Amino acid sequence: MTSGTGIAFIGTGFVSDYYMTTLANHPQLHLRGVWDVDPSRLQQFCDYWKVKAYASEMDLLADPAIGIVVNLTPPESHQAVNRAALLADKHVYCEKPLAMTVEEARELVSLAAERGLTLAGAPANALSDACGHCADILRSGIIGTPRLAYAEMEDGPVFRDKWQDWRSRSGAKWPAVHEFEIGCTLEHAGYAASWLVSLFGPVSNVAAFSALTFPTKGPGTETLALGPDFSVGCLTFKSGLVARLTSGLAAPRDRSLTIAGDKGTLVVRDLWDNRSPIHVELSGTRRPLVHRLIERVEWQFQRKFPFRLTAGKSVAYPQAAPKNSLPKYPSQIDFVRGIAAQADAIKAGTRPVFSGETALHLTDIVLALNAGKRDHTPTPL
């Protein structure tokens, strides 16, 4: 048998193609097969990627060659699939959120601990080269002590686009209606929250607001119960930092992170970009020439140009970009990196970075943001 860790996907929907695209970056992982409740979608996926289809979820869970079950089902199914896999003595990697309630997520973490299994969760974008580069810059002390952060997870007005025609590489429809029903916060806030928790530690308080601002999202959505399409929350971290996290489906696309410190400001341009440009602007220093020239022309013509420059100067990465396979813009994330990190931790007998405990903490934060809880204390990490 080939050395490495055997994995299997449960769920072959839209996101599964992102995982297949980045699986080649981690040759120590071996996909043994996949399963989906939709036979036609399962066949379409297997035909495109040339992978094995299991006859049932039970057959998949009974396969001794599988070390990690990767749960790529819709959020409402996460708890049941995670639980079944853990009871089958499989390690589990789950797409966000871990479950639809904090109580269910907590039970999963306890079950994994009782059975000596490793439970881990997405998103993997906080394991990106960009997040590591950002952490190194912060540790250097160049912007001083971080005090305040603004995290944006605005996906743009996608409901005004031709979302009915969007397809994944293997032909899966983008689950637009389902995402509109779930709401933008459960779908996207985790990408920013995972960065913030990675950089600044656990959150001690969430003060949030959420709303459904556009009650319909196009043909076929007029009578549906849609989830919030806007949320904003202030997160207080035990480390002392305060952050504002905004999620939405109507404002212009913006997935940036701005961190203000005693000595300057750091800006990550795109949290979905594995090697996003990162800019640093120090307090009191002269701004780049192009910034000064544009501002001078704006004053001359008495008008603001219809674009925005990122403040500061770009900080080069210490090494050249590896020749990895990544999905096309906008989701330039190595989705399988989280599974690889989990497999390495299992082999070493350690806890992965995004362990079940961390996934529970992130799930609690995101659920509080989605519900607009005004004074919430997340599960401790």
Protein backbone atom coordinates (compact mmCIF):
# COMPACT_ATOMS: atom_id res chain seq x y z
CA MET A 1 0.00 0.00 0.00
CA THR A 2 1.24 3.50 -0.81
CA SER A 3 2.54 5.33 2.25
CA GLY A 4 0.68 8.42 3.39
CA THR A 5 -2.79 9.18 4.70
CA GLY A 6 -5.91 7.89 3.00
CA ILE A 7 -8.76 10.37 2.82
CA ALA A 8 -12.30 10.34 1.44
CA PHE A 9 -14.80 13.09 0.63
CA ILE A 10 -18.40 13.01 1.73
CA GLY A 11 -20.06 15.61 -0.48
CA THR A 12 -19.17 16.39 -4.10
CA GLY A 13 -20.82 19.78 -4.49
CA PHE A 14 -19.37 23.06 -5.69
CA VAL A 15 -16.63 23.39 -3.04
CA SER A 16 -15.32 19.87 -3.62
CA ASP A 17 -13.70 20.98 -6.90
CA TYR A 18 -11.64 23.51 -4.96
CA TYR A 19 -10.34 20.63 -2.84
CA MET A 20 -9.57 18.54 -5.91
CA THR A 21 -7.71 21.45 -7.51
CA THR A 22 -5.37 21.77 -4.52
CA LEU A 23 -5.04 18.09 -3.59
CA ALA A 24 -2.01 17.79 -5.90
CA ASN A 25 -0.10 20.18 -3.60
CA HIS A 26 -0.04 17.49 -0.89
CA PRO A 27 1.18 14.14 -2.28
CA GLN A 28 1.20 12.61 1.21
CA LEU A 29 -2.61 12.55 1.03
CA HIS A 30 -4.32 9.86 -1.06
CA LEU A 31 -7.95 10.22 -2.06
CA ARG A 32 -9.49 6.74 -1.78
CA GLY A 33 -12.92 7.72 -3.00
CA VAL A 34 -15.98 9.94 -2.59
CA TRP A 35 -19.70 9.72 -1.91
CA ASP A 36 -22.70 12.03 -2.29
CA VAL A 37 -26.42 11.70 -1.65
CA ASP A 38 -27.08 12.88 -5.23
CA PRO A 39 -26.20 9.95 -7.56
CA SER A 40 -26.07 12.09 -10.71
CA ARG A 41 -23.78 14.66 -9.12
CA LEU A 42 -21.59 11.87 -7.71
CA GLN A 43 -21.26 10.31 -11.15
CA GLN A 44 -20.48 13.67 -12.78
CA PHE A 45 -17.74 14.37 -10.22
CA CYS A 46 -16.17 10.91 -10.52
CA ASP A 47 -16.23 10.99 -14.31
CA TYR A 48 -14.47 14.34 -14.39
CA TRP A 49 -11.82 13.64 -11.75
CA LYS A 50 -11.45 9.89 -12.40
CA VAL A 51 -11.97 8.91 -8.77
CA LYS A 52 -13.78 6.04 -7.08
CA ALA A 53 -17.40 6.36 -5.97
CA TYR A 54 -18.47 4.48 -2.84
CA ALA A 55 -21.83 2.73 -2.95
CA SER A 56 -22.96 4.41 0.27
CA GLU A 57 -21.80 6.52 3.18
CA MET A 58 -21.70 3.31 5.24
CA ASP A 59 -19.34 1.66 2.75
CA LEU A 60 -17.07 4.69 2.83
CA LEU A 61 -16.93 4.76 6.63
CA ALA A 62 -16.18 1.04 6.73
CA ASP A 63 -13.12 1.31 4.47
CA PRO A 64 -9.98 0.64 6.59
CA ALA A 65 -7.82 2.53 4.05
CA ILE A 66 -9.40 5.83 5.09
CA GLY A 67 -7.73 7.74 7.89
CA ILE A 68 -9.50 11.09 7.52
CA VAL A 69 -13.07 11.70 6.39
CA VAL A 70 -13.45 15.12 4.77
CA ASN A 71 -16.94 16.50 5.31
CA LEU A 72 -17.93 18.72 2.37
CA THR A 73 -21.70 18.47 2.81
CA PRO A 74 -24.03 21.47 3.31
CA PRO A 75 -23.79 23.08 6.79
CA GLU A 76 -27.06 21.54 8.01
CA SER A 77 -25.54 18.08 7.52
CA HIS A 78 -22.21 18.76 9.19
CA GLN A 79 -23.12 17.56 12.68
CA ALA A 80 -24.68 14.26 11.56
CA VAL A 81 -21.87 13.38 9.12
CA ASN A 82 -19.15 14.37 11.60
CA ARG A 83 -20.75 12.27 14.31
CA ALA A 84 -21.16 9.21 12.08
CA ALA A 85 -17.51 9.41 10.99
CA LEU A 86 -16.24 9.76 14.56
CA LEU A 87 -18.36 6.79 15.66
CA ALA A 88 -16.76 4.84 12.80
CA ASP A 89 -13.36 5.66 14.38
CA LYS A 90 -12.29 8.02 11.61
CA HIS A 91 -10.50 11.31 12.06
CA VAL A 92 -12.61 14.15 10.62
CA TYR A 93 -11.91 17.35 8.73
CA CYS A 94 -15.04 19.48 8.35
CA GLU A 95 -15.90 22.45 6.19
CA LYS A 96 -17.15 25.45 8.17
CA PRO A 97 -19.06 25.63 10.42
CA LEU A 98 -18.45 22.60 12.62
CA ALA A 99 -22.20 22.39 13.33
CA MET A 100 -25.24 24.65 13.24
CA THR A 101 -25.37 25.12 17.01
CA VAL A 102 -22.67 25.60 19.62
CA GLU A 103 -24.08 22.70 21.66
CA GLU A 104 -23.78 20.29 18.72
CA ALA A 105 -20.25 21.49 17.96
CA ARG A 106 -19.24 21.04 21.60
CA GLU A 107 -20.62 17.49 21.61
CA LEU A 108 -18.51 16.66 18.53
CA VAL A 109 -15.34 17.94 20.20
CA SER A 110 -16.11 15.85 23.29
CA LEU A 111 -16.87 12.75 21.21
CA ALA A 112 -13.57 13.05 19.33
CA ALA A 113 -11.67 13.39 22.61
CA GLU A 114 -13.44 10.38 24.13
CA ARG A 115 -12.52 8.19 21.16
CA GLY A 116 -8.95 9.46 20.83
CA LEU A 117 -9.62 10.96 17.39
CA THR A 118 -8.58 14.23 15.78
CA LEU A 119 -11.34 16.58 14.70
CA ALA A 120 -10.30 19.62 12.65
CA GLY A 121 -12.10 22.30 10.70
CA ALA A 122 -11.90 24.76 7.83
CA PRO A 123 -11.20 27.36 6.62
CA ALA A 124 -7.60 26.77 5.57
CA ASN A 125 -6.91 30.32 4.37
CA ALA A 126 -5.37 31.17 7.76
CA LEU A 127 -2.70 28.55 6.98
CA SER A 128 -1.80 30.52 3.85
CA ASP A 129 1.59 31.93 2.96
CA ALA A 130 0.01 35.36 3.43
CA CYS A 131 -1.08 34.70 7.01
CA GLY A 132 2.37 33.38 7.90
CA HIS A 133 4.00 36.42 6.28
CA CYS A 134 1.63 38.74 8.16
CA ALA A 135 2.44 37.03 11.47
CA ASP A 136 6.19 37.42 10.83
CA ILE A 137 5.76 41.13 10.09
CA LEU A 138 3.76 41.64 13.29
CA ARG A 139 6.35 39.72 15.34
CA SER A 140 9.08 41.98 13.98
CA GLY A 141 7.44 44.84 15.88
CA ILE A 142 7.56 47.18 12.90
CA ILE A 143 4.04 48.55 13.54
CA GLY A 144 4.36 48.29 17.31
CA THR A 145 1.66 46.71 19.46
CA PRO A 146 -1.45 45.94 17.36
CA ARG A 147 -4.42 47.78 18.84
CA LEU A 148 -7.22 47.73 16.28
CA ALA A 149 -8.20 45.63 13.25
CA TYR A 150 -10.77 46.02 10.48
CA ALA A 151 -11.65 42.76 8.71
CA GLU A 152 -13.82 42.94 5.60
CA MET A 153 -15.61 39.95 4.12
CA GLU A 154 -17.75 41.67 1.51
CA ASP A 155 -18.38 39.37 -1.47
CA GLY A 156 -19.95 42.01 -3.67
CA PRO A 157 -23.54 42.09 -4.98
CA VAL A 158 -23.44 38.54 -6.32
CA PHE A 159 -27.23 38.25 -6.37
CA ARG A 160 -27.25 40.83 -9.18
CA ASP A 161 -24.90 38.71 -11.27
CA LYS A 162 -25.74 35.69 -13.45
CA TRP A 163 -25.40 33.26 -10.56
CA GLN A 164 -27.83 30.81 -12.16
CA ASP A 165 -25.13 30.03 -14.76
CA TRP A 166 -22.16 29.57 -12.42
CA ARG A 167 -20.57 26.10 -12.47
CA SER A 168 -17.58 24.44 -10.84
CA ARG A 169 -14.85 22.75 -12.89
CA SER A 170 -16.67 19.44 -12.92
CA GLY A 171 -20.06 21.03 -13.57
CA ALA A 172 -21.68 21.51 -10.16
CA LYS A 173 -24.06 24.43 -9.89
CA TRP A 174 -23.11 27.18 -7.45
CA PRO A 175 -25.59 26.63 -4.56
CA ALA A 176 -26.76 30.24 -4.68
CA VAL A 177 -30.23 29.77 -3.20
CA HIS A 178 -28.85 27.69 -0.36
CA GLU A 179 -26.16 30.30 0.38
CA PHE A 180 -28.81 33.04 0.38
CA GLU A 181 -30.86 30.99 2.85
CA ILE A 182 -27.87 30.28 5.12
CA GLY A 183 -26.70 33.88 4.97
CA CYS A 184 -23.39 35.52 4.14
CA THR A 185 -22.03 35.37 7.69
CA LEU A 186 -22.06 31.59 8.06
CA GLU A 187 -20.61 31.31 4.57
CA HIS A 188 -17.85 33.91 4.80
CA ALA A 189 -17.12 35.35 8.26
CA GLY A 190 -14.97 32.34 9.17
CA TYR A 191 -12.37 33.33 6.57
CA ALA A 192 -11.69 36.54 8.49
CA ALA A 193 -12.28 35.16 12.00
CA SER A 194 -9.72 32.38 11.43
CA TRP A 195 -7.04 34.96 10.51
CA LEU A 196 -7.86 37.11 13.52
CA VAL A 197 -7.79 34.20 15.98
CA SER A 198 -4.55 32.90 14.43
CA LEU A 199 -2.85 36.27 14.79
CA PHE A 200 -4.30 37.54 18.07
CA GLY A 201 -5.59 34.54 20.02
CA PRO A 202 -9.03 33.80 21.45
CA VAL A 203 -11.99 36.19 21.50
CA SER A 204 -13.49 37.09 24.88
CA ASN A 205 -16.56 39.02 23.69
CA VAL A 206 -18.70 39.52 20.58
CA ALA A 207 -21.02 42.49 20.13
CA ALA A 208 -22.85 42.06 16.82
CA PHE A 209 -25.71 43.16 14.57
CA SER A 210 -27.13 41.35 11.53
CA ALA A 211 -29.95 41.99 9.08
CA LEU A 212 -31.59 40.92 5.84
CA THR A 213 -31.31 44.10 3.79
CA PHE A 214 -32.28 42.78 0.33
CA PRO A 215 -35.31 40.49 0.89
CA THR A 216 -35.12 38.88 -2.56
CA LYS A 217 -32.06 37.74 -4.48
CA GLY A 218 -33.47 37.08 -7.93
CA PRO A 219 -35.85 34.65 -9.65
CA GLY A 220 -36.85 31.79 -7.40
CA THR A 221 -35.98 33.52 -4.13
CA GLU A 222 -39.04 35.76 -3.71
CA THR A 223 -40.89 33.45 -1.26
CA LEU A 224 -37.89 31.93 0.53
CA ALA A 225 -36.82 32.60 4.11
CA LEU A 226 -33.43 34.14 3.45
CA GLY A 227 -30.67 34.53 5.99
CA PRO A 228 -28.90 37.78 6.91
CA ASP A 229 -27.02 39.37 4.03
CA PHE A 230 -25.20 41.83 6.27
CA SER A 231 -23.54 41.54 9.65
CA VAL A 232 -21.07 43.55 11.64
CA GLY A 233 -19.47 42.65 14.92
CA CYS A 234 -16.92 44.05 17.33
CA LEU A 235 -14.62 41.37 18.71
CA THR A 236 -12.68 41.90 21.91
CA PHE A 237 -9.63 39.65 22.18
CA LYS A 238 -8.08 38.41 25.41
CA SER A 239 -4.80 39.80 24.11
CA GLY A 240 -6.31 43.32 24.22
CA LEU A 241 -6.86 43.93 20.52
CA VAL A 242 -10.27 45.07 19.29
CA ALA A 243 -11.52 44.15 15.81
CA ARG A 244 -14.49 44.97 13.63
CA LEU A 245 -15.59 42.18 11.27
CA THR A 246 -18.07 42.97 8.51
CA SER A 247 -19.74 40.44 6.18
CA GLY A 248 -22.08 41.24 3.31
CA LEU A 249 -23.53 40.41 -0.09
CA ALA A 250 -24.30 43.89 -1.40
CA ALA A 251 -21.38 46.29 -0.88
CA PRO A 252 -18.44 46.27 -3.34
CA ARG A 253 -16.12 43.29 -3.03
CA ASP A 254 -13.55 43.75 -0.26
CA ARG A 255 -11.72 40.98 1.58
CA SER A 256 -9.00 43.08 3.18
CA LEU A 257 -7.59 43.18 6.70
CA THR A 258 -6.23 46.40 8.21
CA ILE A 259 -4.27 46.30 11.46
CA ALA A 260 -3.40 49.53 13.26
CA GLY A 261 -0.54 49.54 15.76
CA ASP A 262 1.36 52.05 17.87
CA LYS A 263 3.94 52.69 15.14
CA GLY A 264 2.03 52.15 11.91
CA THR A 265 -0.54 50.25 9.89
CA LEU A 266 -0.49 46.92 8.07
CA VAL A 267 -2.91 46.05 5.25
CA VAL A 268 -3.54 42.58 3.81
CA ARG A 269 -5.17 43.17 0.46
CA ASP A 270 -7.11 39.88 0.06
CA LEU A 271 -7.71 37.20 2.70
CA TRP A 272 -8.65 34.75 -0.08
CA ASP A 273 -5.26 35.09 -1.80
CA ASN A 274 -2.65 32.55 -0.67
CA ARG A 275 0.09 35.12 -1.28
CA SER A 276 -1.79 38.37 -0.97
CA PRO A 277 0.24 41.58 -1.15
CA ILE A 278 0.81 42.99 2.34
CA HIS A 279 1.52 46.68 2.83
CA VAL A 280 3.02 48.53 5.79
CA GLU A 281 2.78 52.26 6.38
CA LEU A 282 4.78 53.66 9.32
CA SER A 283 3.52 56.68 11.22
CA GLY A 284 5.26 59.89 10.23
CA THR A 285 7.02 58.52 7.14
CA ARG A 286 6.65 59.98 3.69
CA ARG A 287 4.12 58.16 1.56
CA PRO A 288 5.07 56.57 -1.81
CA LEU A 289 5.46 58.98 -4.71
CA VAL A 290 2.52 57.60 -6.70
CA HIS A 291 0.20 58.13 -3.72
CA ARG A 292 1.34 61.74 -3.34
CA LEU A 293 1.01 62.45 -7.05
CA ILE A 294 -2.53 61.06 -7.23
CA GLU A 295 -3.60 63.05 -4.19
CA ARG A 296 -2.12 66.21 -5.72
CA VAL A 297 -4.03 65.65 -8.98
CA GLU A 298 -7.24 65.00 -7.04
CA TRP A 299 -6.84 68.34 -5.26
CA GLN A 300 -6.09 70.02 -8.58
CA PHE A 301 -9.24 68.70 -10.24
CA GLN A 302 -11.29 68.83 -7.03
CA ARG A 303 -12.57 65.30 -7.40
CA LYS A 304 -11.88 61.83 -6.01
CA PHE A 305 -10.68 59.23 -8.51
CA PRO A 306 -12.84 56.07 -8.79
CA PHE A 307 -10.19 53.75 -7.33
CA ARG A 308 -8.37 53.27 -4.06
CA LEU A 309 -4.68 52.69 -3.46
CA THR A 310 -3.49 50.48 -0.63
CA ALA A 311 -1.66 52.56 1.93
CA GLY A 312 2.04 51.98 2.52
CA LYS A 313 4.65 49.91 0.73
CA SER A 314 4.40 46.25 -0.17
CA VAL A 315 6.52 43.95 2.00
CA ALA A 316 8.21 41.26 -0.11
CA TYR A 317 7.80 37.60 0.79
CA PRO A 318 11.05 36.00 2.03
CA GLN A 319 10.87 33.21 -0.57
CA ALA A 320 9.63 32.91 -4.12
CA ALA A 321 6.13 31.59 -4.65
CA PRO A 322 5.99 27.77 -4.86
CA LYS A 323 4.51 26.24 -8.01
CA ASN A 324 1.33 25.10 -6.32
CA SER A 325 -2.05 24.49 -7.89
CA LEU A 326 -4.70 26.95 -6.72
CA PRO A 327 -8.26 27.68 -7.80
CA LYS A 328 -8.79 30.64 -10.07
CA TYR A 329 -9.63 34.07 -8.69
CA PRO A 330 -11.35 34.82 -6.39
CA SER A 331 -10.86 31.66 -4.27
CA GLN A 332 -7.07 31.41 -4.44
CA ILE A 333 -6.89 29.32 -1.28
CA ASP A 334 -5.08 26.02 -0.77
CA PHE A 335 -8.18 24.26 0.55
CA VAL A 336 -6.38 20.97 1.27
CA ARG A 337 -3.65 22.57 3.38
CA GLY A 338 -5.84 22.18 6.47
CA ILE A 339 -6.21 18.43 5.86
CA ALA A 340 -2.46 18.10 5.31
CA ALA A 341 -1.76 19.94 8.56
CA GLN A 342 -4.18 17.62 10.35
CA ALA A 343 -2.52 14.52 8.87
CA ASP A 344 0.91 15.79 9.95
CA ALA A 345 -0.36 16.46 13.47
CA ILE A 346 -1.90 12.99 13.73
CA LYS A 347 1.40 11.44 12.65
CA ALA A 348 3.34 13.55 15.17
CA GLY A 349 0.85 12.99 17.99
CA THR A 350 0.14 16.72 18.34
CA ARG A 351 -2.93 18.93 18.03
CA PRO A 352 -3.45 20.59 14.63
CA VAL A 353 -3.59 24.38 14.41
CA PHE A 354 -7.28 24.34 13.55
CA SER A 355 -8.25 21.58 15.94
CA GLY A 356 -11.80 20.81 16.99
CA GLU A 357 -11.39 23.17 19.93
CA THR A 358 -10.39 26.03 17.63
CA ALA A 359 -13.14 25.12 15.15
CA LEU A 360 -15.64 25.21 18.04
CA HIS A 361 -14.41 28.67 19.08
CA LEU A 362 -14.69 29.96 15.50
CA THR A 363 -18.13 28.36 15.06
CA ASP A 364 -19.34 30.07 18.23
CA ILE A 365 -18.04 33.46 17.03
CA VAL A 366 -19.61 33.12 13.58
CA LEU A 367 -22.97 31.94 14.94
CA ALA A 368 -23.01 34.94 17.30
CA LEU A 369 -22.27 37.30 14.40
CA ASN A 370 -24.99 35.69 12.29
CA ALA A 371 -27.55 35.97 15.09
CA GLY A 372 -26.56 39.57 15.87
CA LYS A 373 -25.88 38.82 19.53
CA ARG A 374 -25.16 42.07 21.32
CA ASP A 375 -23.10 40.74 24.25
CA HIS A 376 -21.80 37.21 23.79
CA THR A 377 -18.96 35.31 25.44
CA PRO A 378 -17.68 32.59 23.08
CA THR A 379 -16.65 29.13 24.20
CA PRO A 380 -13.15 29.51 25.69
CA LEU A 381 -10.19 28.39 23.63
